[in-house]
Amino acid sequence: MNSLYNHALKQTHALQRDLDKFESGEDASAGLQGQITAAFSTLQRSIDDYDNLAKREMVPAKKETAFTRVTKFRHDLQDMRSRFEMIKKQQESRRYDQNRENLLRRSGSSNLTTTANEYPYMSRPEFAMRESAFIDHTDSLLDSYITQAQHVLGDMVDQNSVLKKTQRKLLDAANSLGLSSNVIRYIERRTAQDKWIFIAGLVITIGLMWAIAHYLG
């Protein structure tokens, strides 16, 4: 059991070193991120194995010590996972800011002559502010389009649920009233048609959301 504990301890220290590298920017590659993710799973398995051994320990003092170690391992693992997610968000935010700054710099440089002719009294910082305002406005429009598409998709899902409930109620009512089988089959055909209409609308909505994110994002 001590060998498994030492192995899990080494895995914890290695994970912490990788997280330090990732946080400092020394290595922010996708390869390191994949390595960290895989190490989390490996450490989780080691902790579970150690926990199972602790449960079979016959000496009370050793059993209590093992359970204490398991608790600490699980707590450290959760902390490292939270830290990893926080670092990823910080890295993404940093990349976003850098890309935005580069975009503004390129836009200001390429459009300097044209903008100067249109607005001869604007300075370079004012040009950059104008470009930034335009980008912010475009982002807001994209968010609005995506939100509207999500609302439409949600409404279509709700309508599908209502159609299914209505079908059940109609069939129950038809059976209780003794309607002919032809009438019941007609109701089922109409319900099937409504279902295909719903599926077609769902595919179109998803396609529009993808097109907005791909071509305008």
N, C-alpha and C. Protein backbone atom coordinates (compact mmCIF):
# COMPACT_ATOMS: atom_id res chain seq x y z
N MET A 1 0.84 -1.20 0.00
CA MET A 1 0.00 0.00 0.00
C MET A 1 0.87 1.25 0.00
N ASN A 2 2.04 1.19 0.65
CA ASN A 2 2.93 2.36 0.67
C ASN A 2 3.46 2.68 -0.72
N SER A 3 3.72 1.62 -1.52
CA SER A 3 4.22 1.87 -2.88
C SER A 3 3.17 2.60 -3.71
N LEU A 4 1.91 2.25 -3.55
CA LEU A 4 0.83 2.93 -4.30
C LEU A 4 0.67 4.37 -3.83
N TYR A 5 0.85 4.58 -2.53
CA TYR A 5 0.79 5.95 -1.99
C TYR A 5 1.91 6.80 -2.58
N ASN A 6 3.13 6.25 -2.60
CA ASN A 6 4.26 7.00 -3.15
C ASN A 6 4.07 7.29 -4.63
N HIS A 7 3.48 6.34 -5.33
CA HIS A 7 3.23 6.53 -6.77
C HIS A 7 2.23 7.67 -6.99
N ALA A 8 1.16 7.68 -6.20
CA ALA A 8 0.17 8.75 -6.33
C ALA A 8 0.77 10.10 -5.94
N LEU A 9 1.67 10.08 -4.96
CA LEU A 9 2.32 11.31 -4.54
C LEU A 9 3.20 11.88 -5.66
N LYS A 10 3.93 11.00 -6.34
CA LYS A 10 4.76 11.43 -7.46
C LYS A 10 3.91 12.00 -8.59
N GLN A 11 2.79 11.35 -8.86
CA GLN A 11 1.88 11.84 -9.89
C GLN A 11 1.36 13.25 -9.54
N THR A 12 1.05 13.47 -8.27
CA THR A 12 0.56 14.78 -7.82
C THR A 12 1.62 15.85 -8.04
N HIS A 13 2.86 15.56 -7.66
CA HIS A 13 3.95 16.53 -7.83
C HIS A 13 4.21 16.82 -9.31
N ALA A 14 4.15 15.79 -10.14
CA ALA A 14 4.36 15.99 -11.58
C ALA A 14 3.26 16.87 -12.18
N LEU A 15 2.03 16.65 -11.73
CA LEU A 15 0.92 17.46 -12.20
C LEU A 15 1.09 18.92 -11.79
N GLN A 16 1.52 19.14 -10.58
CA GLN A 16 1.73 20.51 -10.11
C GLN A 16 2.82 21.21 -10.91
N ARG A 17 3.88 20.48 -11.26
CA ARG A 17 4.94 21.08 -12.07
C ARG A 17 4.42 21.45 -13.46
N ASP A 18 3.62 20.57 -14.06
CA ASP A 18 3.05 20.87 -15.38
C ASP A 18 2.12 22.07 -15.31
N LEU A 19 1.35 22.16 -14.24
CA LEU A 19 0.45 23.31 -14.09
C LEU A 19 1.24 24.61 -13.92
N ASP A 20 2.36 24.53 -13.21
CA ASP A 20 3.21 25.72 -13.06
C ASP A 20 3.75 26.17 -14.41
N LYS A 21 4.17 25.18 -15.23
CA LYS A 21 4.67 25.53 -16.57
C LYS A 21 3.57 26.18 -17.41
N PHE A 22 2.38 25.60 -17.35
CA PHE A 22 1.26 26.11 -18.13
C PHE A 22 0.87 27.51 -17.69
N GLU A 23 0.86 27.74 -16.38
CA GLU A 23 0.44 29.04 -15.86
C GLU A 23 1.46 30.12 -16.18
N SER A 24 2.74 29.78 -16.12
CA SER A 24 3.79 30.77 -16.36
C SER A 24 3.94 31.12 -17.84
N GLY A 25 3.34 30.31 -18.71
CA GLY A 25 3.49 30.54 -20.14
C GLY A 25 4.71 29.88 -20.72
N GLU A 26 5.47 29.17 -19.89
CA GLU A 26 6.66 28.47 -20.40
C GLU A 26 6.27 27.45 -21.46
N ASP A 27 5.12 26.79 -21.25
CA ASP A 27 4.60 25.84 -22.23
C ASP A 27 3.08 25.89 -22.17
N ALA A 28 2.48 26.50 -23.18
CA ALA A 28 1.02 26.61 -23.24
C ALA A 28 0.48 25.82 -24.43
N SER A 29 1.23 24.82 -24.86
CA SER A 29 0.86 24.07 -26.05
C SER A 29 -0.33 23.15 -25.77
N ALA A 30 -0.98 22.75 -26.85
CA ALA A 30 -2.09 21.79 -26.73
C ALA A 30 -1.58 20.45 -26.23
N GLY A 31 -0.32 20.13 -26.57
CA GLY A 31 0.25 18.87 -26.11
C GLY A 31 0.34 18.80 -24.59
N LEU A 32 0.78 19.89 -23.97
CA LEU A 32 0.86 19.91 -22.52
C LEU A 32 -0.53 19.84 -21.89
N GLN A 33 -1.49 20.54 -22.49
CA GLN A 33 -2.85 20.49 -21.96
C GLN A 33 -3.42 19.07 -22.03
N GLY A 34 -3.16 18.38 -23.13
CA GLY A 34 -3.60 16.99 -23.23
C GLY A 34 -2.90 16.10 -22.22
N GLN A 35 -1.63 16.37 -21.98
CA GLN A 35 -0.87 15.59 -21.00
C GLN A 35 -1.44 15.80 -19.59
N ILE A 36 -1.79 17.05 -19.27
CA ILE A 36 -2.36 17.34 -17.96
C ILE A 36 -3.71 16.65 -17.79
N THR A 37 -4.54 16.71 -18.84
CA THR A 37 -5.85 16.07 -18.77
C THR A 37 -5.72 14.57 -18.55
N ALA A 38 -4.80 13.94 -19.27
CA ALA A 38 -4.58 12.50 -19.10
C ALA A 38 -4.03 12.19 -17.71
N ALA A 39 -3.17 13.07 -17.18
CA ALA A 39 -2.61 12.85 -15.84
C ALA A 39 -3.68 12.92 -14.77
N PHE A 40 -4.69 13.77 -14.97
CA PHE A 40 -5.81 13.83 -14.03
C PHE A 40 -6.51 12.48 -13.94
N SER A 41 -6.77 11.87 -15.09
CA SER A 41 -7.45 10.57 -15.10
C SER A 41 -6.59 9.49 -14.45
N THR A 42 -5.29 9.52 -14.74
CA THR A 42 -4.39 8.51 -14.16
C THR A 42 -4.31 8.65 -12.64
N LEU A 43 -4.21 9.91 -12.18
CA LEU A 43 -4.16 10.13 -10.73
C LEU A 43 -5.47 9.71 -10.07
N GLN A 44 -6.59 9.97 -10.74
CA GLN A 44 -7.88 9.57 -10.18
C GLN A 44 -7.94 8.06 -9.98
N ARG A 45 -7.45 7.30 -10.97
CA ARG A 45 -7.43 5.85 -10.83
C ARG A 45 -6.52 5.40 -9.70
N SER A 46 -5.37 6.04 -9.55
CA SER A 46 -4.45 5.68 -8.46
C SER A 46 -5.09 5.95 -7.11
N ILE A 47 -5.81 7.06 -6.99
CA ILE A 47 -6.48 7.38 -5.72
C ILE A 47 -7.55 6.34 -5.41
N ASP A 48 -8.31 5.96 -6.43
CA ASP A 48 -9.36 4.95 -6.22
C ASP A 48 -8.76 3.62 -5.80
N ASP A 49 -7.64 3.24 -6.44
CA ASP A 49 -6.98 1.98 -6.06
C ASP A 49 -6.48 2.03 -4.62
N TYR A 50 -5.92 3.17 -4.25
CA TYR A 50 -5.41 3.31 -2.88
C TYR A 50 -6.57 3.30 -1.88
N ASP A 51 -7.68 3.90 -2.27
CA ASP A 51 -8.86 3.90 -1.40
C ASP A 51 -9.38 2.48 -1.19
N ASN A 52 -9.39 1.68 -2.25
CA ASN A 52 -9.85 0.29 -2.12
C ASN A 52 -8.93 -0.51 -1.21
N LEU A 53 -7.62 -0.27 -1.31
CA LEU A 53 -6.68 -0.95 -0.42
C LEU A 53 -6.89 -0.52 1.03
N ALA A 54 -7.16 0.78 1.22
CA ALA A 54 -7.37 1.29 2.58
C ALA A 54 -8.59 0.64 3.24
N LYS A 55 -9.61 0.39 2.44
CA LYS A 55 -10.82 -0.23 2.99
C LYS A 55 -10.57 -1.66 3.45
N ARG A 56 -9.55 -2.33 2.85
CA ARG A 56 -9.24 -3.70 3.24
C ARG A 56 -8.15 -3.80 4.30
N GLU A 57 -7.62 -2.66 4.73
CA GLU A 57 -6.57 -2.66 5.76
C GLU A 57 -7.15 -3.13 7.10
N MET A 58 -6.44 -4.03 7.74
CA MET A 58 -6.93 -4.63 8.99
C MET A 58 -6.49 -3.85 10.21
N VAL A 59 -5.37 -3.16 10.16
CA VAL A 59 -4.85 -2.42 11.31
C VAL A 59 -5.57 -1.06 11.37
N PRO A 60 -6.29 -0.76 12.46
CA PRO A 60 -7.08 0.47 12.53
C PRO A 60 -6.26 1.74 12.33
N ALA A 61 -5.07 1.81 12.92
CA ALA A 61 -4.27 3.02 12.81
C ALA A 61 -3.84 3.25 11.36
N LYS A 62 -3.40 2.18 10.71
CA LYS A 62 -3.00 2.32 9.31
C LYS A 62 -4.18 2.64 8.41
N LYS A 63 -5.33 2.08 8.75
CA LYS A 63 -6.53 2.34 7.96
C LYS A 63 -6.94 3.81 8.06
N GLU A 64 -6.88 4.35 9.26
CA GLU A 64 -7.23 5.76 9.44
C GLU A 64 -6.25 6.68 8.71
N THR A 65 -4.96 6.34 8.79
CA THR A 65 -3.95 7.14 8.07
C THR A 65 -4.19 7.10 6.57
N ALA A 66 -4.53 5.91 6.06
CA ALA A 66 -4.77 5.78 4.63
C ALA A 66 -5.98 6.59 4.19
N PHE A 67 -7.05 6.57 4.98
CA PHE A 67 -8.24 7.34 4.64
C PHE A 67 -7.94 8.85 4.65
N THR A 68 -7.11 9.27 5.60
CA THR A 68 -6.72 10.68 5.64
C THR A 68 -5.95 11.08 4.38
N ARG A 69 -5.06 10.18 3.94
CA ARG A 69 -4.30 10.45 2.71
C ARG A 69 -5.22 10.50 1.50
N VAL A 70 -6.20 9.59 1.46
CA VAL A 70 -7.15 9.59 0.34
C VAL A 70 -7.91 10.90 0.27
N THR A 71 -8.36 11.37 1.44
CA THR A 71 -9.09 12.64 1.48
C THR A 71 -8.24 13.79 0.97
N LYS A 72 -6.97 13.81 1.39
CA LYS A 72 -6.06 14.87 0.92
C LYS A 72 -5.81 14.76 -0.58
N PHE A 73 -5.62 13.54 -1.07
CA PHE A 73 -5.41 13.35 -2.51
C PHE A 73 -6.60 13.89 -3.31
N ARG A 74 -7.79 13.53 -2.86
CA ARG A 74 -8.99 13.97 -3.59
C ARG A 74 -9.14 15.49 -3.54
N HIS A 75 -8.82 16.07 -2.41
CA HIS A 75 -8.91 17.52 -2.29
C HIS A 75 -7.88 18.20 -3.20
N ASP A 76 -6.65 17.67 -3.21
CA ASP A 76 -5.60 18.24 -4.07
C ASP A 76 -5.97 18.09 -5.55
N LEU A 77 -6.55 16.94 -5.89
CA LEU A 77 -6.93 16.72 -7.28
C LEU A 77 -8.00 17.71 -7.72
N GLN A 78 -8.98 17.94 -6.86
CA GLN A 78 -10.03 18.91 -7.19
C GLN A 78 -9.46 20.31 -7.33
N ASP A 79 -8.53 20.67 -6.44
CA ASP A 79 -7.90 22.00 -6.53
C ASP A 79 -7.12 22.15 -7.83
N MET A 80 -6.40 21.10 -8.22
CA MET A 80 -5.62 21.19 -9.45
C MET A 80 -6.51 21.27 -10.68
N ARG A 81 -7.62 20.56 -10.66
CA ARG A 81 -8.55 20.65 -11.78
C ARG A 81 -9.14 22.06 -11.89
N SER A 82 -9.51 22.63 -10.75
CA SER A 82 -10.05 23.99 -10.76
C SER A 82 -9.00 24.98 -11.23
N ARG A 83 -7.77 24.78 -10.80
CA ARG A 83 -6.67 25.66 -11.23
C ARG A 83 -6.44 25.54 -12.73
N PHE A 84 -6.50 24.32 -13.24
CA PHE A 84 -6.30 24.09 -14.67
C PHE A 84 -7.36 24.83 -15.50
N GLU A 85 -8.61 24.73 -15.09
CA GLU A 85 -9.69 25.41 -15.81
C GLU A 85 -9.51 26.93 -15.73
N MET A 86 -9.10 27.43 -14.57
CA MET A 86 -8.90 28.87 -14.42
C MET A 86 -7.76 29.35 -15.33
N ILE A 87 -6.67 28.57 -15.39
CA ILE A 87 -5.54 28.96 -16.25
C ILE A 87 -5.96 28.95 -17.71
N LYS A 88 -6.74 27.94 -18.13
CA LYS A 88 -7.19 27.89 -19.51
C LYS A 88 -8.02 29.12 -19.87
N LYS A 89 -8.88 29.53 -18.95
CA LYS A 89 -9.69 30.73 -19.21
C LYS A 89 -8.81 31.97 -19.30
N GLN A 90 -7.80 32.05 -18.44
CA GLN A 90 -6.89 33.20 -18.51
C GLN A 90 -6.12 33.20 -19.83
N GLN A 91 -5.66 32.02 -20.27
CA GLN A 91 -4.92 31.93 -21.53
C GLN A 91 -5.82 32.32 -22.71
N GLU A 92 -7.07 31.87 -22.69
CA GLU A 92 -8.00 32.20 -23.76
C GLU A 92 -8.28 33.70 -23.79
N SER A 93 -8.44 34.29 -22.60
CA SER A 93 -8.69 35.72 -22.54
C SER A 93 -7.48 36.50 -23.04
N ARG A 94 -6.28 36.03 -22.70
CA ARG A 94 -5.07 36.70 -23.16
C ARG A 94 -4.93 36.61 -24.68
N ARG A 95 -5.23 35.42 -25.23
CA ARG A 95 -5.16 35.27 -26.69
C ARG A 95 -6.20 36.15 -27.38
N TYR A 96 -7.38 36.24 -26.79
CA TYR A 96 -8.43 37.08 -27.37
C TYR A 96 -7.99 38.54 -27.41
N ASP A 97 -7.41 39.00 -26.30
CA ASP A 97 -6.96 40.39 -26.25
C ASP A 97 -5.85 40.65 -27.27
N GLN A 98 -4.92 39.69 -27.40
CA GLN A 98 -3.83 39.85 -28.37
C GLN A 98 -4.35 39.87 -29.81
N ASN A 99 -5.28 38.97 -30.12
CA ASN A 99 -5.85 38.94 -31.47
C ASN A 99 -6.62 40.22 -31.76
N ARG A 100 -7.33 40.71 -30.76
CA ARG A 100 -8.09 41.95 -30.95
C ARG A 100 -7.15 43.12 -31.19
N GLU A 101 -6.07 43.16 -30.41
CA GLU A 101 -5.11 44.26 -30.58
C GLU A 101 -4.44 44.20 -31.95
N ASN A 102 -4.09 42.98 -32.40
CA ASN A 102 -3.48 42.83 -33.72
C ASN A 102 -4.46 43.22 -34.83
N LEU A 103 -5.72 42.85 -34.64
CA LEU A 103 -6.73 43.20 -35.64
C LEU A 103 -6.89 44.71 -35.73
N LEU A 104 -6.95 45.37 -34.58
CA LEU A 104 -7.08 46.82 -34.59
C LEU A 104 -5.86 47.48 -35.21
N ARG A 105 -4.67 46.91 -34.93
CA ARG A 105 -3.45 47.50 -35.49
C ARG A 105 -3.42 47.35 -37.01
N ARG A 106 -3.81 46.15 -37.49
CA ARG A 106 -3.83 45.94 -38.94
C ARG A 106 -4.89 46.80 -39.61
N SER A 107 -6.05 46.89 -38.96
CA SER A 107 -7.13 47.69 -39.55
C SER A 107 -6.75 49.15 -39.60
N GLY A 108 -6.12 49.62 -38.51
CA GLY A 108 -5.72 51.03 -38.49
C GLY A 108 -4.66 51.34 -39.52
N SER A 109 -3.75 50.37 -39.75
CA SER A 109 -2.68 50.60 -40.71
C SER A 109 -3.19 50.55 -42.15
N SER A 110 -4.06 49.56 -42.45
CA SER A 110 -4.51 49.39 -43.83
C SER A 110 -5.52 50.44 -44.24
N ASN A 111 -6.28 50.93 -43.27
CA ASN A 111 -7.33 51.89 -43.60
C ASN A 111 -6.95 53.33 -43.26
N LEU A 112 -5.68 53.53 -42.96
CA LEU A 112 -5.26 54.86 -42.52
C LEU A 112 -5.49 55.91 -43.60
N THR A 113 -5.10 55.60 -44.84
CA THR A 113 -5.22 56.59 -45.92
C THR A 113 -6.67 56.89 -46.23
N THR A 114 -7.49 55.82 -46.35
CA THR A 114 -8.90 56.02 -46.67
C THR A 114 -9.61 56.78 -45.58
N THR A 115 -9.37 56.39 -44.34
CA THR A 115 -10.06 57.04 -43.23
C THR A 115 -9.60 58.48 -43.09
N ALA A 116 -8.33 58.72 -43.36
CA ALA A 116 -7.83 60.08 -43.25
C ALA A 116 -8.49 60.98 -44.28
N ASN A 117 -8.75 60.45 -45.48
CA ASN A 117 -9.43 61.25 -46.50
C ASN A 117 -10.87 61.54 -46.10
N GLU A 118 -11.53 60.52 -45.47
CA GLU A 118 -12.92 60.72 -45.09
C GLU A 118 -13.04 61.58 -43.84
N TYR A 119 -12.12 61.40 -42.92
CA TYR A 119 -12.14 62.15 -41.67
C TYR A 119 -10.78 62.81 -41.47
N PRO A 120 -10.51 63.91 -42.14
CA PRO A 120 -9.17 64.50 -42.12
C PRO A 120 -8.75 65.02 -40.75
N TYR A 121 -9.71 65.23 -39.85
CA TYR A 121 -9.35 65.81 -38.55
C TYR A 121 -9.26 64.75 -37.45
N MET A 122 -9.34 63.45 -37.81
CA MET A 122 -9.24 62.38 -36.83
C MET A 122 -7.78 61.97 -36.66
N SER A 123 -7.41 61.70 -35.41
CA SER A 123 -6.06 61.21 -35.14
C SER A 123 -6.06 59.68 -35.20
N ARG A 124 -4.86 59.10 -35.17
CA ARG A 124 -4.77 57.63 -35.20
C ARG A 124 -5.51 56.98 -34.03
N PRO A 125 -5.37 57.47 -32.77
CA PRO A 125 -6.15 56.86 -31.68
C PRO A 125 -7.65 56.92 -31.93
N GLU A 126 -8.12 58.03 -32.53
CA GLU A 126 -9.55 58.14 -32.82
C GLU A 126 -9.97 57.12 -33.88
N PHE A 127 -9.08 56.89 -34.87
CA PHE A 127 -9.36 55.86 -35.86
C PHE A 127 -9.50 54.49 -35.19
N ALA A 128 -8.57 54.20 -34.27
CA ALA A 128 -8.60 52.90 -33.58
C ALA A 128 -9.86 52.75 -32.75
N MET A 129 -10.27 53.83 -32.08
CA MET A 129 -11.50 53.79 -31.28
C MET A 129 -12.72 53.55 -32.18
N ARG A 130 -12.71 54.16 -33.35
CA ARG A 130 -13.82 53.98 -34.28
C ARG A 130 -13.88 52.52 -34.75
N GLU A 131 -12.72 51.94 -35.07
CA GLU A 131 -12.68 50.54 -35.48
C GLU A 131 -13.13 49.64 -34.35
N SER A 132 -12.70 49.93 -33.13
CA SER A 132 -13.10 49.12 -31.98
C SER A 132 -14.60 49.17 -31.76
N ALA A 133 -15.19 50.36 -31.92
CA ALA A 133 -16.64 50.49 -31.76
C ALA A 133 -17.38 49.68 -32.81
N PHE A 134 -16.85 49.67 -34.03
CA PHE A 134 -17.48 48.90 -35.10
C PHE A 134 -17.44 47.40 -34.79
N ILE A 135 -16.28 46.93 -34.30
CA ILE A 135 -16.15 45.50 -33.97
C ILE A 135 -17.09 45.13 -32.83
N ASP A 136 -17.18 46.01 -31.81
CA ASP A 136 -18.09 45.74 -30.70
C ASP A 136 -19.53 45.65 -31.18
N HIS A 137 -19.89 46.57 -32.10
CA HIS A 137 -21.25 46.55 -32.63
C HIS A 137 -21.52 45.26 -33.40
N THR A 138 -20.54 44.81 -34.19
CA THR A 138 -20.69 43.56 -34.93
C THR A 138 -20.83 42.37 -33.99
N ASP A 139 -20.03 42.34 -32.92
CA ASP A 139 -20.14 41.26 -31.93
C ASP A 139 -21.52 41.23 -31.31
N SER A 140 -22.06 42.42 -31.00
CA SER A 140 -23.40 42.50 -30.40
C SER A 140 -24.46 41.96 -31.35
N LEU A 141 -24.33 42.29 -32.64
CA LEU A 141 -25.29 41.79 -33.62
C LEU A 141 -25.23 40.27 -33.73
N LEU A 142 -24.00 39.73 -33.75
CA LEU A 142 -23.85 38.27 -33.83
C LEU A 142 -24.47 37.59 -32.61
N ASP A 143 -24.21 38.15 -31.43
CA ASP A 143 -24.81 37.58 -30.21
C ASP A 143 -26.33 37.63 -30.28
N SER A 144 -26.86 38.73 -30.82
CA SER A 144 -28.31 38.87 -30.94
C SER A 144 -28.89 37.82 -31.88
N TYR A 145 -28.22 37.61 -33.04
CA TYR A 145 -28.70 36.61 -33.99
C TYR A 145 -28.67 35.21 -33.40
N ILE A 146 -27.58 34.89 -32.72
CA ILE A 146 -27.46 33.56 -32.12
C ILE A 146 -28.50 33.36 -31.04
N THR A 147 -28.75 34.39 -30.21
CA THR A 147 -29.76 34.29 -29.16
C THR A 147 -31.14 34.07 -29.75
N GLN A 148 -31.45 34.81 -30.81
CA GLN A 148 -32.75 34.63 -31.45
C GLN A 148 -32.90 33.22 -32.01
N ALA A 149 -31.83 32.70 -32.63
CA ALA A 149 -31.88 31.34 -33.17
C ALA A 149 -32.08 30.31 -32.06
N GLN A 150 -31.41 30.54 -30.91
CA GLN A 150 -31.58 29.62 -29.78
C GLN A 150 -33.00 29.65 -29.24
N HIS A 151 -33.61 30.84 -29.21
CA HIS A 151 -35.00 30.95 -28.77
C HIS A 151 -35.94 30.21 -29.72
N VAL A 152 -35.68 30.37 -31.02
CA VAL A 152 -36.51 29.67 -32.01
C VAL A 152 -36.38 28.16 -31.84
N LEU A 153 -35.14 27.71 -31.63
CA LEU A 153 -34.91 26.28 -31.44
C LEU A 153 -35.63 25.78 -30.19
N GLY A 154 -35.58 26.56 -29.11
CA GLY A 154 -36.29 26.17 -27.90
C GLY A 154 -37.79 26.12 -28.09
N ASP A 155 -38.33 27.09 -28.83
CA ASP A 155 -39.78 27.08 -29.11
C ASP A 155 -40.17 25.86 -29.93
N MET A 156 -39.32 25.47 -30.89
CA MET A 156 -39.63 24.31 -31.71
C MET A 156 -39.62 23.03 -30.89
N VAL A 157 -38.69 22.93 -29.96
CA VAL A 157 -38.65 21.76 -29.08
C VAL A 157 -39.90 21.70 -28.21
N ASP A 158 -40.31 22.86 -27.67
CA ASP A 158 -41.53 22.91 -26.86
C ASP A 158 -42.75 22.52 -27.69
N GLN A 159 -42.81 22.99 -28.94
CA GLN A 159 -43.95 22.66 -29.80
C GLN A 159 -43.98 21.16 -30.09
N ASN A 160 -42.82 20.55 -30.26
CA ASN A 160 -42.78 19.11 -30.50
C ASN A 160 -43.33 18.35 -29.30
N SER A 161 -42.98 18.80 -28.10
CA SER A 161 -43.50 18.16 -26.89
C SER A 161 -45.01 18.31 -26.80
N VAL A 162 -45.51 19.51 -27.15
CA VAL A 162 -46.95 19.73 -27.11
C VAL A 162 -47.66 18.85 -28.12
N LEU A 163 -47.07 18.69 -29.32
CA LEU A 163 -47.68 17.85 -30.36
C LEU A 163 -47.78 16.39 -29.90
N LYS A 164 -46.74 15.92 -29.22
CA LYS A 164 -46.77 14.54 -28.74
C LYS A 164 -47.87 14.34 -27.70
N LYS A 165 -48.00 15.31 -26.78
CA LYS A 165 -49.04 15.20 -25.77
C LYS A 165 -50.43 15.27 -26.40
N THR A 166 -50.56 16.16 -27.40
CA THR A 166 -51.85 16.29 -28.08
C THR A 166 -52.21 15.00 -28.80
N GLN A 167 -51.21 14.35 -29.42
CA GLN A 167 -51.47 13.09 -30.10
C GLN A 167 -52.00 12.04 -29.14
N ARG A 168 -51.36 11.93 -27.98
CA ARG A 168 -51.80 10.93 -27.01
C ARG A 168 -53.23 11.20 -26.55
N LYS A 169 -53.52 12.49 -26.31
CA LYS A 169 -54.86 12.83 -25.86
C LYS A 169 -55.91 12.54 -26.93
N LEU A 170 -55.58 12.85 -28.20
CA LEU A 170 -56.52 12.59 -29.28
C LEU A 170 -56.77 11.10 -29.46
N LEU A 171 -55.72 10.30 -29.37
CA LEU A 171 -55.88 8.86 -29.52
C LEU A 171 -56.69 8.28 -28.37
N ASP A 172 -56.42 8.76 -27.16
CA ASP A 172 -57.21 8.29 -26.01
C ASP A 172 -58.68 8.66 -26.17
N ALA A 173 -58.91 9.92 -26.62
CA ALA A 173 -60.30 10.36 -26.80
C ALA A 173 -60.98 9.58 -27.91
N ALA A 174 -60.22 9.29 -28.99
CA ALA A 174 -60.80 8.54 -30.10
C ALA A 174 -61.17 7.12 -29.67
N ASN A 175 -60.31 6.52 -28.88
CA ASN A 175 -60.59 5.16 -28.40
C ASN A 175 -61.81 5.15 -27.48
N SER A 176 -61.87 6.16 -26.60
CA SER A 176 -62.99 6.20 -25.66
C SER A 176 -64.31 6.49 -26.36
N LEU A 177 -64.27 7.26 -27.46
CA LEU A 177 -65.49 7.58 -28.21
C LEU A 177 -65.83 6.53 -29.24
N GLY A 178 -64.92 5.58 -29.45
CA GLY A 178 -65.20 4.51 -30.39
C GLY A 178 -65.09 4.93 -31.84
N LEU A 179 -64.20 5.87 -32.15
CA LEU A 179 -64.04 6.30 -33.53
C LEU A 179 -63.42 5.17 -34.36
N SER A 180 -63.61 5.26 -35.65
CA SER A 180 -63.14 4.22 -36.54
C SER A 180 -61.62 4.22 -36.60
N SER A 181 -61.07 3.09 -37.04
CA SER A 181 -59.62 2.98 -37.17
C SER A 181 -59.08 3.90 -38.25
N ASN A 182 -59.91 4.21 -39.27
CA ASN A 182 -59.47 5.13 -40.32
C ASN A 182 -59.20 6.52 -39.77
N VAL A 183 -60.07 6.96 -38.87
CA VAL A 183 -59.89 8.28 -38.25
C VAL A 183 -58.63 8.30 -37.41
N ILE A 184 -58.40 7.24 -36.67
CA ILE A 184 -57.21 7.17 -35.82
C ILE A 184 -55.95 7.16 -36.68
N ARG A 185 -55.96 6.40 -37.79
CA ARG A 185 -54.80 6.39 -38.68
C ARG A 185 -54.55 7.75 -39.31
N TYR A 186 -55.66 8.46 -39.60
CA TYR A 186 -55.51 9.81 -40.16
C TYR A 186 -54.82 10.74 -39.16
N ILE A 187 -55.22 10.63 -37.90
CA ILE A 187 -54.59 11.44 -36.85
C ILE A 187 -53.11 11.11 -36.74
N GLU A 188 -52.79 9.81 -36.82
CA GLU A 188 -51.39 9.41 -36.72
C GLU A 188 -50.58 9.92 -37.90
N ARG A 189 -51.18 9.89 -39.11
CA ARG A 189 -50.47 10.41 -40.28
C ARG A 189 -50.19 11.90 -40.15
N ARG A 190 -51.19 12.65 -39.67
CA ARG A 190 -51.00 14.09 -39.50
C ARG A 190 -49.92 14.37 -38.46
N THR A 191 -49.91 13.58 -37.42
CA THR A 191 -48.89 13.76 -36.38
C THR A 191 -47.50 13.46 -36.94
N ALA A 192 -47.42 12.41 -37.79
CA ALA A 192 -46.12 12.09 -38.41
C ALA A 192 -45.66 13.22 -39.31
N GLN A 193 -46.61 13.82 -40.06
CA GLN A 193 -46.25 14.94 -40.92
C GLN A 193 -45.74 16.12 -40.10
N ASP A 194 -46.45 16.40 -38.99
CA ASP A 194 -46.00 17.50 -38.12
C ASP A 194 -44.62 17.22 -37.57
N LYS A 195 -44.33 15.95 -37.28
CA LYS A 195 -43.00 15.59 -36.75
C LYS A 195 -41.92 15.87 -37.78
N TRP A 196 -42.17 15.49 -39.06
CA TRP A 196 -41.17 15.75 -40.10
C TRP A 196 -40.98 17.24 -40.34
N ILE A 197 -42.08 18.00 -40.25
CA ILE A 197 -41.97 19.45 -40.37
C ILE A 197 -41.09 20.01 -39.25
N PHE A 198 -41.28 19.48 -38.04
CA PHE A 198 -40.46 19.92 -36.90
C PHE A 198 -38.99 19.60 -37.13
N ILE A 199 -38.72 18.36 -37.62
CA ILE A 199 -37.32 17.96 -37.85
C ILE A 199 -36.68 18.85 -38.92
N ALA A 200 -37.43 19.15 -40.00
CA ALA A 200 -36.89 20.00 -41.05
C ALA A 200 -36.59 21.40 -40.52
N GLY A 201 -37.52 21.94 -39.72
CA GLY A 201 -37.27 23.26 -39.13
C GLY A 201 -36.09 23.25 -38.19
N LEU A 202 -35.92 22.15 -37.45
CA LEU A 202 -34.79 22.03 -36.53
C LEU A 202 -33.47 22.03 -37.30
N VAL A 203 -33.42 21.27 -38.41
CA VAL A 203 -32.19 21.20 -39.21
C VAL A 203 -31.87 22.56 -39.82
N ILE A 204 -32.90 23.25 -40.30
CA ILE A 204 -32.67 24.58 -40.89
C ILE A 204 -32.15 25.56 -39.85
N THR A 205 -32.74 25.52 -38.64
CA THR A 205 -32.30 26.44 -37.57
C THR A 205 -30.86 26.18 -37.18
N ILE A 206 -30.51 24.90 -37.01
CA ILE A 206 -29.12 24.57 -36.65
C ILE A 206 -28.17 24.99 -37.77
N GLY A 207 -28.60 24.80 -39.02
CA GLY A 207 -27.76 25.22 -40.14
C GLY A 207 -27.53 26.72 -40.15
N LEU A 208 -28.59 27.50 -39.84
CA LEU A 208 -28.44 28.95 -39.79
C LEU A 208 -27.50 29.37 -38.67
N MET A 209 -27.62 28.72 -37.49
CA MET A 209 -26.73 29.05 -36.37
C MET A 209 -25.29 28.74 -36.75
N TRP A 210 -25.05 27.60 -37.43
CA TRP A 210 -23.69 27.26 -37.83
C TRP A 210 -23.16 28.27 -38.84
N ALA A 211 -24.01 28.67 -39.79
CA ALA A 211 -23.57 29.62 -40.81
C ALA A 211 -23.21 30.96 -40.20
N ILE A 212 -24.02 31.40 -39.22
CA ILE A 212 -23.74 32.68 -38.55
C ILE A 212 -22.41 32.61 -37.81
N ALA A 213 -22.20 31.50 -37.07
CA ALA A 213 -20.96 31.39 -36.30
C ALA A 213 -19.75 31.21 -37.21
N HIS A 214 -19.93 30.50 -38.34
CA HIS A 214 -18.77 30.19 -39.21
C HIS A 214 -18.37 31.36 -40.11
N TYR A 215 -19.36 32.02 -40.69
CA TYR A 215 -19.04 33.06 -41.67
C TYR A 215 -19.00 34.48 -41.09
N LEU A 216 -19.73 34.68 -39.97
CA LEU A 216 -19.76 36.02 -39.39
C LEU A 216 -19.03 36.10 -38.07
N GLY A 217 -18.65 34.93 -37.50
CA GLY A 217 -17.98 34.92 -36.19
C GLY A 217 -16.52 35.32 -36.32
